[in-house]
């Protein structure tokens, strides 16, 4: 069984990613997301994280937004965590604040792992009604060795105060995480996302990303 999985990851999985090529060239826009994240474990099964990210849009040519996010998570038991993130985002002509409450559960049967993450969030913008969403993400990852782990995930976001609930966005992503020296890691990824699904003309966006993570 493990040999079949290994063969799929090493040979068939890369070929399957070719199906994303039409999405890359057919998207309405291309963006780049680059970020740096710092992690610090605290007593009582707590963990503090800080992330700073820059996003470029218009075919990766102009500033879209930057945000700072601080989150506190608690390990309930092995594989299950709850998290409270707060994000402050700066755009060209506005600022937004976002607070959330979420949980995640990860189940590993080496070398594969499955992870589910759910989150309720509220985004606040001056002179506008708050936007409330539920986000659900499912991730599958394969640990090739101690350092390299490719992954694939799907995510959907929908309103939870409207009746009936309206799907707002979905994302499909693949990438690879690489562990570096001194508790550092880097992640390279691609995301295809479709925004504003409640409108007649939803926007399709291709995202190319790079994320650096440091454990302190």
N, C-alpha and C. Protein backbone atom coordinates (compact mmCIF):
# COMPACT_ATOMS: atom_id res chain seq x y z
N UNK A 1 0.84 -1.21 0.00
CA UNK A 1 0.00 0.00 0.00
C UNK A 1 0.87 1.26 0.00
N UNK A 2 1.90 1.28 0.88
CA UNK A 2 2.78 2.44 0.96
C UNK A 2 3.53 2.64 -0.35
N UNK A 3 3.88 1.51 -1.02
CA UNK A 3 4.58 1.61 -2.30
C UNK A 3 3.69 2.24 -3.36
N UNK A 4 2.40 1.89 -3.35
CA UNK A 4 1.46 2.47 -4.31
C UNK A 4 1.29 3.97 -4.07
N UNK A 5 1.20 4.34 -2.80
CA UNK A 5 1.07 5.76 -2.46
C UNK A 5 2.31 6.52 -2.89
N UNK A 6 3.49 5.93 -2.61
CA UNK A 6 4.74 6.59 -2.99
C UNK A 6 4.83 6.79 -4.49
N UNK A 7 4.43 5.78 -5.26
CA UNK A 7 4.45 5.88 -6.72
C UNK A 7 3.52 6.99 -7.21
N UNK A 8 2.34 7.08 -6.59
CA UNK A 8 1.38 8.12 -6.98
C UNK A 8 1.95 9.51 -6.72
N UNK A 9 2.53 9.71 -5.53
CA UNK A 9 3.05 11.03 -5.17
C UNK A 9 4.21 11.43 -6.07
N UNK A 10 5.11 10.49 -6.34
CA UNK A 10 6.32 10.83 -7.07
C UNK A 10 6.10 10.98 -8.57
N UNK A 11 5.12 10.26 -9.12
CA UNK A 11 4.96 10.26 -10.58
C UNK A 11 3.60 10.79 -11.05
N UNK A 12 2.54 10.21 -10.52
CA UNK A 12 1.21 10.58 -11.00
C UNK A 12 0.76 11.93 -10.45
N UNK A 13 1.12 12.24 -9.20
CA UNK A 13 0.70 13.52 -8.62
C UNK A 13 1.23 14.71 -9.40
N UNK A 14 2.55 14.76 -9.73
CA UNK A 14 3.03 15.89 -10.54
C UNK A 14 2.32 16.02 -11.87
N UNK A 15 2.00 14.87 -12.52
CA UNK A 15 1.29 14.92 -13.79
C UNK A 15 -0.12 15.46 -13.63
N UNK A 16 -0.76 15.11 -12.52
CA UNK A 16 -2.13 15.59 -12.29
C UNK A 16 -2.18 17.10 -12.12
N UNK A 17 -1.05 17.70 -11.70
CA UNK A 17 -1.03 19.15 -11.52
C UNK A 17 -1.13 19.88 -12.85
N UNK A 18 -0.89 19.17 -13.95
CA UNK A 18 -1.02 19.79 -15.27
C UNK A 18 -2.46 20.24 -15.53
N UNK A 19 -3.42 19.64 -14.83
CA UNK A 19 -4.81 20.04 -15.01
C UNK A 19 -5.05 21.47 -14.53
N UNK A 20 -4.10 22.02 -13.73
CA UNK A 20 -4.25 23.38 -13.25
C UNK A 20 -3.82 24.40 -14.29
N UNK A 21 -3.11 23.97 -15.32
CA UNK A 21 -2.58 24.91 -16.30
C UNK A 21 -3.68 25.75 -16.95
N UNK A 22 -4.83 25.18 -17.37
CA UNK A 22 -5.88 26.03 -17.94
C UNK A 22 -6.38 27.10 -16.98
N UNK A 23 -6.38 26.79 -15.67
CA UNK A 23 -6.81 27.79 -14.69
C UNK A 23 -5.81 28.93 -14.60
N UNK A 24 -4.52 28.60 -14.68
CA UNK A 24 -3.49 29.63 -14.60
C UNK A 24 -3.64 30.63 -15.73
N UNK A 25 -3.81 30.14 -16.96
CA UNK A 25 -3.87 31.02 -18.12
C UNK A 25 -5.27 31.61 -18.34
N UNK A 26 -6.28 31.01 -17.76
CA UNK A 26 -7.64 31.52 -17.95
C UNK A 26 -8.12 32.45 -16.87
N UNK A 27 -7.30 32.69 -15.84
CA UNK A 27 -7.71 33.53 -14.72
C UNK A 27 -7.80 35.00 -15.13
N UNK A 28 -8.62 35.77 -14.40
CA UNK A 28 -8.78 37.19 -14.67
C UNK A 28 -7.58 38.00 -14.21
N UNK A 29 -6.86 37.51 -13.21
CA UNK A 29 -5.71 38.24 -12.67
C UNK A 29 -4.74 37.26 -12.04
N UNK A 30 -3.50 37.72 -11.87
CA UNK A 30 -2.47 36.95 -11.17
C UNK A 30 -1.95 37.77 -10.01
N UNK A 31 -1.74 37.11 -8.88
CA UNK A 31 -1.25 37.79 -7.69
C UNK A 31 -0.05 37.04 -7.13
N UNK A 32 0.72 37.74 -6.31
CA UNK A 32 1.80 37.09 -5.56
C UNK A 32 1.59 37.38 -4.08
N UNK A 33 1.78 36.35 -3.25
CA UNK A 33 1.67 36.49 -1.80
C UNK A 33 3.00 36.04 -1.19
N UNK A 34 3.66 36.92 -0.47
CA UNK A 34 4.89 36.58 0.23
C UNK A 34 4.73 36.92 1.70
N UNK A 35 5.18 36.01 2.56
CA UNK A 35 4.95 36.22 3.99
C UNK A 35 6.10 35.69 4.83
N UNK A 36 6.16 36.23 6.06
CA UNK A 36 7.10 35.76 7.08
C UNK A 36 6.30 35.51 8.34
N UNK A 37 6.52 34.35 8.96
CA UNK A 37 5.78 33.99 10.17
C UNK A 37 6.75 33.54 11.26
N UNK A 38 6.45 33.97 12.49
CA UNK A 38 7.23 33.58 13.65
C UNK A 38 6.33 32.83 14.63
N UNK A 39 6.84 31.72 15.16
CA UNK A 39 6.09 30.91 16.12
C UNK A 39 6.85 30.83 17.44
N UNK A 40 6.08 30.85 18.53
CA UNK A 40 6.68 30.71 19.85
C UNK A 40 5.76 29.87 20.74
N UNK A 41 6.28 28.73 21.19
CA UNK A 41 5.50 27.90 22.11
C UNK A 41 5.53 28.49 23.51
N UNK A 42 4.37 28.46 24.16
CA UNK A 42 4.21 29.02 25.50
C UNK A 42 3.82 27.90 26.47
N UNK A 43 3.88 28.18 27.76
CA UNK A 43 3.43 27.17 28.74
C UNK A 43 1.94 26.86 28.56
N UNK A 44 1.51 25.77 29.17
CA UNK A 44 0.10 25.36 29.19
C UNK A 44 -0.45 25.06 27.79
N UNK A 45 0.38 24.47 26.94
CA UNK A 45 -0.03 24.02 25.60
C UNK A 45 -0.49 25.17 24.70
N UNK A 46 0.02 26.36 24.94
CA UNK A 46 -0.31 27.52 24.12
C UNK A 46 0.78 27.79 23.09
N UNK A 47 0.40 28.44 22.00
CA UNK A 47 1.36 28.84 20.98
C UNK A 47 0.97 30.20 20.43
N UNK A 48 1.96 31.08 20.30
CA UNK A 48 1.75 32.43 19.78
C UNK A 48 2.39 32.53 18.41
N UNK A 49 1.66 33.11 17.44
CA UNK A 49 2.18 33.25 16.08
C UNK A 49 1.97 34.68 15.60
N UNK A 50 2.96 35.17 14.85
CA UNK A 50 2.84 36.49 14.21
C UNK A 50 3.24 36.34 12.75
N UNK A 51 2.39 36.88 11.86
CA UNK A 51 2.64 36.78 10.42
C UNK A 51 2.52 38.15 9.76
N UNK A 52 3.44 38.45 8.86
CA UNK A 52 3.40 39.66 8.05
C UNK A 52 3.41 39.26 6.59
N UNK A 53 2.43 39.75 5.83
CA UNK A 53 2.31 39.33 4.43
C UNK A 53 2.12 40.52 3.50
N UNK A 54 2.68 40.41 2.31
CA UNK A 54 2.52 41.40 1.25
C UNK A 54 1.89 40.73 0.04
N UNK A 55 0.86 41.39 -0.53
CA UNK A 55 0.18 40.85 -1.70
C UNK A 55 0.22 41.87 -2.84
N UNK A 56 0.60 41.39 -4.03
CA UNK A 56 0.62 42.20 -5.23
C UNK A 56 -0.42 41.67 -6.21
N UNK A 57 -1.06 42.58 -6.94
CA UNK A 57 -2.12 42.20 -7.89
C UNK A 57 -1.84 42.82 -9.26
N UNK A 58 -2.86 42.81 -10.14
CA UNK A 58 -2.73 43.35 -11.50
C UNK A 58 -1.53 42.72 -12.21
N UNK A 59 -1.58 41.39 -12.34
CA UNK A 59 -0.48 40.63 -12.94
C UNK A 59 0.83 40.85 -12.18
N UNK A 60 0.71 40.87 -10.87
CA UNK A 60 1.85 40.99 -9.94
C UNK A 60 2.62 42.28 -10.19
N UNK A 61 1.91 43.38 -10.49
CA UNK A 61 2.59 44.63 -10.82
C UNK A 61 2.28 45.77 -9.86
N UNK A 62 1.19 45.67 -9.08
CA UNK A 62 0.82 46.77 -8.18
C UNK A 62 0.49 46.25 -6.79
N UNK A 63 0.59 47.15 -5.83
CA UNK A 63 0.29 46.82 -4.44
C UNK A 63 -1.20 46.55 -4.26
N UNK A 64 -1.53 45.46 -3.59
CA UNK A 64 -2.92 45.16 -3.26
C UNK A 64 -3.20 45.37 -1.78
N UNK A 65 -2.42 44.68 -0.94
CA UNK A 65 -2.59 44.84 0.50
C UNK A 65 -1.40 44.26 1.25
N UNK A 66 -1.27 44.68 2.48
CA UNK A 66 -0.36 44.05 3.42
C UNK A 66 -1.12 43.86 4.72
N UNK A 67 -0.79 42.81 5.45
CA UNK A 67 -1.48 42.61 6.71
C UNK A 67 -0.54 42.06 7.77
N UNK A 68 -0.89 42.34 9.01
CA UNK A 68 -0.22 41.78 10.18
C UNK A 68 -1.24 40.94 10.92
N UNK A 69 -0.87 39.71 11.26
CA UNK A 69 -1.80 38.82 11.94
C UNK A 69 -1.15 38.22 13.18
N UNK A 70 -1.85 38.33 14.29
CA UNK A 70 -1.41 37.76 15.56
C UNK A 70 -2.43 36.71 15.97
N UNK A 71 -1.97 35.52 16.31
CA UNK A 71 -2.91 34.46 16.68
C UNK A 71 -2.40 33.69 17.90
N UNK A 72 -3.34 33.26 18.70
CA UNK A 72 -3.05 32.45 19.89
C UNK A 72 -3.79 31.13 19.74
N UNK A 73 -3.08 30.03 19.88
CA UNK A 73 -3.71 28.71 19.74
C UNK A 73 -3.47 27.87 20.98
N UNK A 74 -4.38 26.93 21.20
CA UNK A 74 -4.30 26.04 22.36
C UNK A 74 -4.44 24.60 21.89
N UNK A 75 -3.52 23.77 22.33
CA UNK A 75 -3.54 22.35 21.97
C UNK A 75 -4.44 21.61 22.95
N UNK A 76 -5.62 21.21 22.49
CA UNK A 76 -6.58 20.50 23.34
C UNK A 76 -6.10 19.08 23.60
N UNK A 77 -5.75 18.38 22.53
CA UNK A 77 -5.10 17.07 22.63
C UNK A 77 -4.34 16.85 21.33
N UNK A 78 -3.63 15.75 21.23
CA UNK A 78 -2.78 15.49 20.07
C UNK A 78 -3.58 15.57 18.76
N UNK A 79 -3.19 16.52 17.91
CA UNK A 79 -3.84 16.68 16.62
C UNK A 79 -4.95 17.70 16.57
N UNK A 80 -5.50 18.08 17.74
CA UNK A 80 -6.63 19.01 17.77
C UNK A 80 -6.24 20.31 18.46
N UNK A 81 -6.45 21.43 17.76
CA UNK A 81 -6.11 22.76 18.29
C UNK A 81 -7.25 23.73 18.06
N UNK A 82 -7.38 24.69 18.95
CA UNK A 82 -8.29 25.82 18.76
C UNK A 82 -7.44 27.08 18.63
N UNK A 83 -7.95 28.06 17.86
CA UNK A 83 -7.14 29.22 17.54
C UNK A 83 -7.99 30.48 17.49
N UNK A 84 -7.40 31.58 17.96
CA UNK A 84 -8.03 32.91 17.87
C UNK A 84 -7.07 33.83 17.11
N UNK A 85 -7.33 34.11 15.83
CA UNK A 85 -6.47 35.01 15.06
C UNK A 85 -7.08 36.42 14.96
N UNK A 86 -6.19 37.42 14.97
CA UNK A 86 -6.61 38.80 14.71
C UNK A 86 -5.73 39.36 13.61
N UNK A 87 -6.35 39.96 12.60
CA UNK A 87 -5.62 40.49 11.45
C UNK A 87 -5.96 41.95 11.21
N UNK A 88 -4.91 42.75 10.95
CA UNK A 88 -5.09 44.15 10.55
C UNK A 88 -4.52 44.30 9.14
N UNK A 89 -5.38 44.67 8.19
CA UNK A 89 -4.98 44.75 6.78
C UNK A 89 -5.00 46.19 6.30
N UNK A 90 -4.00 46.56 5.50
CA UNK A 90 -3.90 47.89 4.91
C UNK A 90 -3.95 47.77 3.40
N UNK A 91 -4.94 48.44 2.79
CA UNK A 91 -5.08 48.49 1.34
C UNK A 91 -4.67 49.89 0.85
N UNK A 92 -4.83 50.14 -0.44
CA UNK A 92 -4.47 51.45 -0.98
C UNK A 92 -5.28 52.57 -0.36
N UNK A 93 -6.58 52.33 -0.17
CA UNK A 93 -7.47 53.40 0.26
C UNK A 93 -8.34 53.05 1.46
N UNK A 94 -8.00 51.97 2.16
CA UNK A 94 -8.83 51.56 3.30
C UNK A 94 -8.05 50.61 4.20
N UNK A 95 -8.61 50.41 5.39
CA UNK A 95 -8.06 49.45 6.34
C UNK A 95 -9.17 48.50 6.77
N UNK A 96 -8.80 47.28 7.10
CA UNK A 96 -9.77 46.29 7.57
C UNK A 96 -9.21 45.58 8.80
N UNK A 97 -10.11 45.17 9.67
CA UNK A 97 -9.75 44.36 10.82
C UNK A 97 -10.55 43.07 10.79
N UNK A 98 -9.90 41.98 11.19
CA UNK A 98 -10.58 40.69 11.15
C UNK A 98 -10.27 39.87 12.40
N UNK A 99 -11.30 39.37 13.02
CA UNK A 99 -11.16 38.52 14.19
C UNK A 99 -11.83 37.18 13.89
N UNK A 100 -11.25 36.12 14.40
CA UNK A 100 -11.80 34.80 14.10
C UNK A 100 -11.71 33.85 15.27
N UNK A 101 -12.41 32.76 15.15
CA UNK A 101 -12.35 31.65 16.11
C UNK A 101 -12.41 30.36 15.31
N UNK A 102 -11.41 29.52 15.48
CA UNK A 102 -11.36 28.32 14.66
C UNK A 102 -10.77 27.13 15.38
N UNK A 103 -10.85 26.01 14.71
CA UNK A 103 -10.28 24.77 15.23
C UNK A 103 -9.77 23.92 14.09
N UNK A 104 -8.81 23.07 14.38
CA UNK A 104 -8.26 22.18 13.36
C UNK A 104 -7.95 20.82 13.96
N UNK A 105 -8.10 19.80 13.12
CA UNK A 105 -7.77 18.44 13.55
C UNK A 105 -6.93 17.78 12.47
N UNK A 106 -5.80 17.22 12.88
CA UNK A 106 -4.88 16.57 11.95
C UNK A 106 -4.73 15.10 12.32
N UNK A 107 -4.92 14.24 11.33
CA UNK A 107 -4.77 12.80 11.54
C UNK A 107 -3.68 12.28 10.62
N UNK A 108 -2.68 11.63 11.19
CA UNK A 108 -1.54 11.14 10.42
C UNK A 108 -1.51 9.62 10.38
N UNK A 109 -1.32 9.10 9.20
CA UNK A 109 -1.00 7.68 9.03
C UNK A 109 0.16 7.66 8.04
N UNK A 110 1.35 7.80 8.62
CA UNK A 110 2.56 8.07 7.86
C UNK A 110 2.70 7.13 6.67
N UNK A 111 3.16 7.77 5.55
CA UNK A 111 3.64 9.13 5.35
C UNK A 111 2.54 10.15 5.01
N UNK A 112 1.27 9.73 4.98
CA UNK A 112 0.18 10.65 4.66
C UNK A 112 -0.38 11.32 5.91
N UNK A 113 -0.95 12.50 5.73
CA UNK A 113 -1.68 13.16 6.81
C UNK A 113 -2.87 13.89 6.23
N UNK A 114 -3.96 13.90 6.97
CA UNK A 114 -5.17 14.62 6.60
C UNK A 114 -5.46 15.66 7.67
N UNK A 115 -5.88 16.84 7.23
CA UNK A 115 -6.16 17.92 8.18
C UNK A 115 -7.43 18.66 7.78
N UNK A 116 -8.28 18.91 8.77
CA UNK A 116 -9.47 19.74 8.54
C UNK A 116 -9.35 20.98 9.41
N UNK A 117 -9.68 22.13 8.83
CA UNK A 117 -9.70 23.38 9.59
C UNK A 117 -11.00 24.12 9.33
N UNK A 118 -11.68 24.51 10.40
CA UNK A 118 -12.89 25.31 10.30
C UNK A 118 -12.72 26.60 11.06
N UNK A 119 -13.30 27.68 10.53
CA UNK A 119 -13.13 28.98 11.19
C UNK A 119 -14.35 29.86 10.96
N UNK A 120 -14.76 30.56 12.01
CA UNK A 120 -15.76 31.62 11.91
C UNK A 120 -15.01 32.93 12.02
N UNK A 121 -15.28 33.88 11.11
CA UNK A 121 -14.56 35.14 11.15
C UNK A 121 -15.48 36.32 10.85
N UNK A 122 -15.09 37.45 11.41
CA UNK A 122 -15.80 38.71 11.16
C UNK A 122 -14.79 39.75 10.69
N UNK A 123 -15.09 40.39 9.54
CA UNK A 123 -14.24 41.43 8.99
C UNK A 123 -14.94 42.78 9.15
N UNK A 124 -14.21 43.75 9.70
CA UNK A 124 -14.77 45.07 9.99
C UNK A 124 -14.07 46.11 9.14
N UNK A 125 -14.86 46.92 8.45
CA UNK A 125 -14.36 48.02 7.63
C UNK A 125 -15.19 49.26 7.94
N UNK A 126 -14.53 50.40 8.05
CA UNK A 126 -15.20 51.65 8.41
C UNK A 126 -16.30 52.00 7.41
N UNK A 127 -17.45 52.40 7.95
CA UNK A 127 -18.62 52.83 7.18
C UNK A 127 -19.25 51.69 6.37
N UNK A 128 -18.98 50.45 6.76
CA UNK A 128 -19.61 49.30 6.11
C UNK A 128 -20.09 48.31 7.15
N UNK A 129 -21.07 47.50 6.75
CA UNK A 129 -21.55 46.45 7.64
C UNK A 129 -20.48 45.36 7.79
N UNK A 130 -20.34 44.80 8.99
CA UNK A 130 -19.37 43.71 9.17
C UNK A 130 -19.70 42.53 8.26
N UNK A 131 -18.66 41.87 7.80
CA UNK A 131 -18.83 40.69 6.94
C UNK A 131 -18.50 39.44 7.75
N UNK A 132 -19.46 38.54 7.87
CA UNK A 132 -19.28 37.32 8.65
C UNK A 132 -19.22 36.11 7.72
N UNK A 133 -18.21 35.28 7.92
CA UNK A 133 -18.01 34.11 7.06
C UNK A 133 -17.63 32.89 7.88
N UNK A 134 -17.94 31.73 7.32
CA UNK A 134 -17.43 30.45 7.80
C UNK A 134 -16.50 29.90 6.72
N UNK A 135 -15.30 29.47 7.13
CA UNK A 135 -14.33 28.92 6.19
C UNK A 135 -14.03 27.47 6.56
N UNK A 136 -14.02 26.61 5.55
CA UNK A 136 -13.73 25.19 5.76
C UNK A 136 -12.63 24.76 4.80
N UNK A 137 -11.59 24.14 5.35
CA UNK A 137 -10.46 23.71 4.52
C UNK A 137 -10.09 22.27 4.84
N UNK A 138 -9.83 21.49 3.79
CA UNK A 138 -9.36 20.11 3.93
C UNK A 138 -8.02 19.99 3.19
N UNK A 139 -7.02 19.44 3.89
CA UNK A 139 -5.67 19.33 3.33
C UNK A 139 -5.19 17.89 3.39
N UNK A 140 -4.52 17.47 2.33
CA UNK A 140 -3.83 16.18 2.32
C UNK A 140 -2.36 16.45 2.03
N UNK A 141 -1.48 15.84 2.82
CA UNK A 141 -0.04 16.05 2.66
C UNK A 141 0.68 14.71 2.70
N UNK A 142 1.83 14.68 2.05
CA UNK A 142 2.63 13.45 1.97
C UNK A 142 4.07 13.78 2.33
N UNK A 143 4.57 13.12 3.37
CA UNK A 143 5.94 13.35 3.84
C UNK A 143 6.89 12.48 3.04
N UNK A 144 7.57 13.07 2.05
CA UNK A 144 8.51 12.30 1.23
C UNK A 144 9.71 11.86 2.05
N UNK A 145 10.24 12.80 2.85
CA UNK A 145 11.33 12.50 3.78
C UNK A 145 11.24 13.47 4.94
N UNK A 146 12.28 13.59 5.72
CA UNK A 146 12.24 14.43 6.91
C UNK A 146 12.10 15.91 6.58
N UNK A 147 12.41 16.29 5.35
CA UNK A 147 12.44 17.72 5.01
C UNK A 147 11.37 18.15 4.01
N UNK A 148 10.93 17.27 3.14
CA UNK A 148 10.06 17.68 2.02
C UNK A 148 8.66 17.09 2.18
N UNK A 149 7.66 17.97 2.05
CA UNK A 149 6.27 17.53 2.19
C UNK A 149 5.37 18.28 1.20
N UNK A 150 4.99 17.66 0.08
CA UNK A 150 4.01 18.28 -0.82
C UNK A 150 2.61 18.19 -0.23
N UNK A 151 1.73 19.11 -0.65
CA UNK A 151 0.38 19.15 -0.09
C UNK A 151 -0.61 19.63 -1.14
N UNK A 152 -1.87 19.35 -0.88
CA UNK A 152 -2.97 19.76 -1.74
C UNK A 152 -4.16 20.05 -0.84
N UNK A 153 -4.85 21.20 -1.06
CA UNK A 153 -6.03 21.48 -0.23
C UNK A 153 -7.12 22.18 -1.03
N UNK A 154 -8.32 22.06 -0.52
CA UNK A 154 -9.48 22.77 -1.05
C UNK A 154 -10.16 23.52 0.09
N UNK A 155 -10.68 24.70 -0.21
CA UNK A 155 -11.31 25.52 0.82
C UNK A 155 -12.54 26.23 0.26
N UNK A 156 -13.59 26.30 1.05
CA UNK A 156 -14.79 27.05 0.68
C UNK A 156 -15.14 28.01 1.81
N UNK A 157 -15.67 29.17 1.43
CA UNK A 157 -16.13 30.18 2.40
C UNK A 157 -17.57 30.53 2.09
N UNK A 158 -18.38 30.63 3.14
CA UNK A 158 -19.78 30.99 2.93
C UNK A 158 -20.30 31.80 4.11
N UNK A 159 -21.34 32.57 3.87
CA UNK A 159 -21.96 33.37 4.92
C UNK A 159 -22.70 32.47 5.89
N UNK A 160 -22.87 32.94 7.13
CA UNK A 160 -23.61 32.12 8.09
C UNK A 160 -24.76 32.86 8.75
N UNK A 161 -24.93 34.14 8.42
CA UNK A 161 -26.05 34.89 8.97
C UNK A 161 -27.17 35.04 7.95
N UNK A 162 -26.85 34.83 6.68
CA UNK A 162 -27.85 34.95 5.63
C UNK A 162 -28.61 33.64 5.46
N UNK A 163 -29.86 33.75 5.07
CA UNK A 163 -30.69 32.57 4.80
C UNK A 163 -31.22 32.64 3.37
N UNK A 164 -30.90 31.66 2.52
CA UNK A 164 -29.98 30.55 2.79
C UNK A 164 -28.53 31.00 2.75
N UNK A 165 -27.63 30.20 3.31
CA UNK A 165 -26.21 30.53 3.31
C UNK A 165 -25.69 30.63 1.88
N UNK A 166 -24.90 31.67 1.61
CA UNK A 166 -24.42 31.94 0.27
C UNK A 166 -22.93 31.62 0.17
N UNK A 167 -22.55 30.80 -0.79
CA UNK A 167 -21.14 30.50 -1.03
C UNK A 167 -20.46 31.75 -1.58
N UNK A 168 -19.36 32.18 -0.93
CA UNK A 168 -18.69 33.41 -1.31
C UNK A 168 -17.40 33.19 -2.10
N UNK A 169 -16.68 32.12 -1.77
CA UNK A 169 -15.37 31.92 -2.39
C UNK A 169 -14.95 30.46 -2.26
N UNK A 170 -14.18 29.98 -3.25
CA UNK A 170 -13.53 28.69 -3.07
C UNK A 170 -12.09 28.78 -3.57
N UNK A 171 -11.25 27.93 -2.99
CA UNK A 171 -9.84 27.89 -3.34
C UNK A 171 -9.38 26.45 -3.53
N UNK A 172 -8.48 26.27 -4.49
CA UNK A 172 -7.79 25.00 -4.67
C UNK A 172 -6.30 25.32 -4.71
N UNK A 173 -5.52 24.60 -3.92
CA UNK A 173 -4.10 24.94 -3.82
C UNK A 173 -3.23 23.69 -3.78
N UNK A 174 -2.03 23.81 -4.30
CA UNK A 174 -1.02 22.77 -4.12
C UNK A 174 0.33 23.44 -3.92
N UNK A 175 1.25 22.73 -3.29
CA UNK A 175 2.56 23.30 -3.05
C UNK A 175 3.45 22.30 -2.34
N UNK A 176 4.55 22.80 -1.81
CA UNK A 176 5.49 21.95 -1.09
C UNK A 176 6.10 22.73 0.06
N UNK A 177 6.24 22.07 1.20
CA UNK A 177 6.91 22.63 2.37
C UNK A 177 8.27 21.98 2.51
N UNK A 178 9.28 22.80 2.80
CA UNK A 178 10.64 22.29 2.94
C UNK A 178 11.20 22.77 4.28
N UNK A 179 11.63 21.83 5.11
CA UNK A 179 12.26 22.18 6.38
C UNK A 179 13.70 22.58 6.14
N UNK A 180 14.09 23.70 6.76
CA UNK A 180 15.45 24.20 6.67
C UNK A 180 16.16 24.02 8.01
N UNK A 181 17.34 24.53 8.11
CA UNK A 181 18.10 24.42 9.35
C UNK A 181 17.55 25.38 10.41
N UNK A 182 17.87 25.09 11.65
CA UNK A 182 17.56 25.95 12.80
C UNK A 182 16.07 26.23 12.93
N UNK A 183 15.24 25.19 12.77
CA UNK A 183 13.80 25.27 12.97
C UNK A 183 13.11 26.22 12.00
N UNK A 184 13.71 26.44 10.86
CA UNK A 184 13.11 27.28 9.82
C UNK A 184 12.49 26.39 8.75
N UNK A 185 11.53 26.93 8.03
CA UNK A 185 10.92 26.21 6.92
C UNK A 185 10.44 27.20 5.88
N UNK A 186 10.25 26.70 4.66
CA UNK A 186 9.77 27.54 3.57
C UNK A 186 8.69 26.78 2.81
N UNK A 187 7.72 27.52 2.33
CA UNK A 187 6.60 26.91 1.60
C UNK A 187 6.43 27.64 0.26
N UNK A 188 6.37 26.87 -0.81
CA UNK A 188 6.10 27.41 -2.15
C UNK A 188 4.76 26.83 -2.60
N UNK A 189 3.86 27.69 -3.09
CA UNK A 189 2.52 27.20 -3.39
C UNK A 189 1.86 27.98 -4.52
N UNK A 190 0.82 27.37 -5.06
CA UNK A 190 -0.04 27.99 -6.06
C UNK A 190 -1.49 27.85 -5.60
N UNK A 191 -2.28 28.90 -5.78
CA UNK A 191 -3.70 28.89 -5.41
C UNK A 191 -4.52 29.36 -6.60
N UNK A 192 -5.56 28.63 -6.92
CA UNK A 192 -6.59 29.13 -7.83
C UNK A 192 -7.81 29.43 -6.98
N UNK A 193 -8.28 30.69 -7.03
CA UNK A 193 -9.44 31.04 -6.22
C UNK A 193 -10.47 31.80 -7.04
N UNK A 194 -11.71 31.61 -6.66
CA UNK A 194 -12.83 32.26 -7.33
C UNK A 194 -13.58 33.07 -6.28
N UNK A 195 -13.58 34.40 -6.45
CA UNK A 195 -14.18 35.32 -5.48
C UNK A 195 -15.56 35.79 -5.94
N UNK A 196 -16.29 36.36 -4.98
CA UNK A 196 -17.58 37.00 -5.27
C UNK A 196 -18.53 36.06 -6.01
N UNK A 197 -18.70 34.87 -5.49
CA UNK A 197 -19.55 33.88 -6.16
C UNK A 197 -21.03 34.26 -6.13
N UNK A 198 -21.39 35.20 -5.26
CA UNK A 198 -22.79 35.64 -5.19
C UNK A 198 -23.13 36.61 -6.32
N UNK A 199 -22.12 37.08 -7.04
CA UNK A 199 -22.34 38.02 -8.13
C UNK A 199 -22.43 37.29 -9.48
N UNK A 200 -23.02 37.95 -10.49
CA UNK A 200 -23.14 37.30 -11.81
C UNK A 200 -21.80 37.02 -12.47
N UNK A 201 -20.77 37.84 -12.14
CA UNK A 201 -19.46 37.69 -12.78
C UNK A 201 -18.37 37.49 -11.73
N UNK A 202 -18.27 36.32 -11.12
CA UNK A 202 -17.23 36.07 -10.13
C UNK A 202 -15.84 36.21 -10.74
N UNK A 203 -14.87 36.56 -9.89
CA UNK A 203 -13.51 36.83 -10.33
C UNK A 203 -12.63 35.61 -10.09
N UNK A 204 -11.87 35.22 -11.12
CA UNK A 204 -10.94 34.10 -11.01
C UNK A 204 -9.52 34.64 -10.89
N UNK A 205 -8.80 34.17 -9.88
CA UNK A 205 -7.47 34.69 -9.59
C UNK A 205 -6.47 33.55 -9.40
N UNK A 206 -5.31 33.69 -10.02
CA UNK A 206 -4.19 32.78 -9.80
C UNK A 206 -3.21 33.42 -8.83
N UNK A 207 -2.80 32.67 -7.84
CA UNK A 207 -1.89 33.20 -6.81
C UNK A 207 -0.63 32.35 -6.77
N UNK A 208 0.52 33.01 -6.82
CA UNK A 208 1.80 32.35 -6.65
C UNK A 208 2.40 32.83 -5.34
N UNK A 209 2.73 31.90 -4.45
CA UNK A 209 3.10 32.31 -3.10
C UNK A 209 4.40 31.71 -2.59
N UNK A 210 4.98 32.46 -1.64
CA UNK A 210 6.19 32.03 -0.96
C UNK A 210 6.07 32.44 0.50
N UNK A 211 6.23 31.48 1.41
CA UNK A 211 6.07 31.75 2.84
C UNK A 211 7.26 31.20 3.61
N UNK A 212 7.80 32.04 4.49
CA UNK A 212 8.92 31.64 5.34
C UNK A 212 8.44 31.55 6.78
N UNK A 213 8.81 30.48 7.47
CA UNK A 213 8.35 30.27 8.84
C UNK A 213 9.55 30.00 9.75
N UNK A 214 9.53 30.64 10.92
CA UNK A 214 10.61 30.46 11.90
C UNK A 214 10.03 30.13 13.26
N UNK A 215 10.49 29.02 13.85
CA UNK A 215 10.09 28.64 15.20
C UNK A 215 11.13 29.17 16.18
N UNK A 216 10.66 29.85 17.21
CA UNK A 216 11.58 30.49 18.15
C UNK A 216 11.56 29.76 19.50
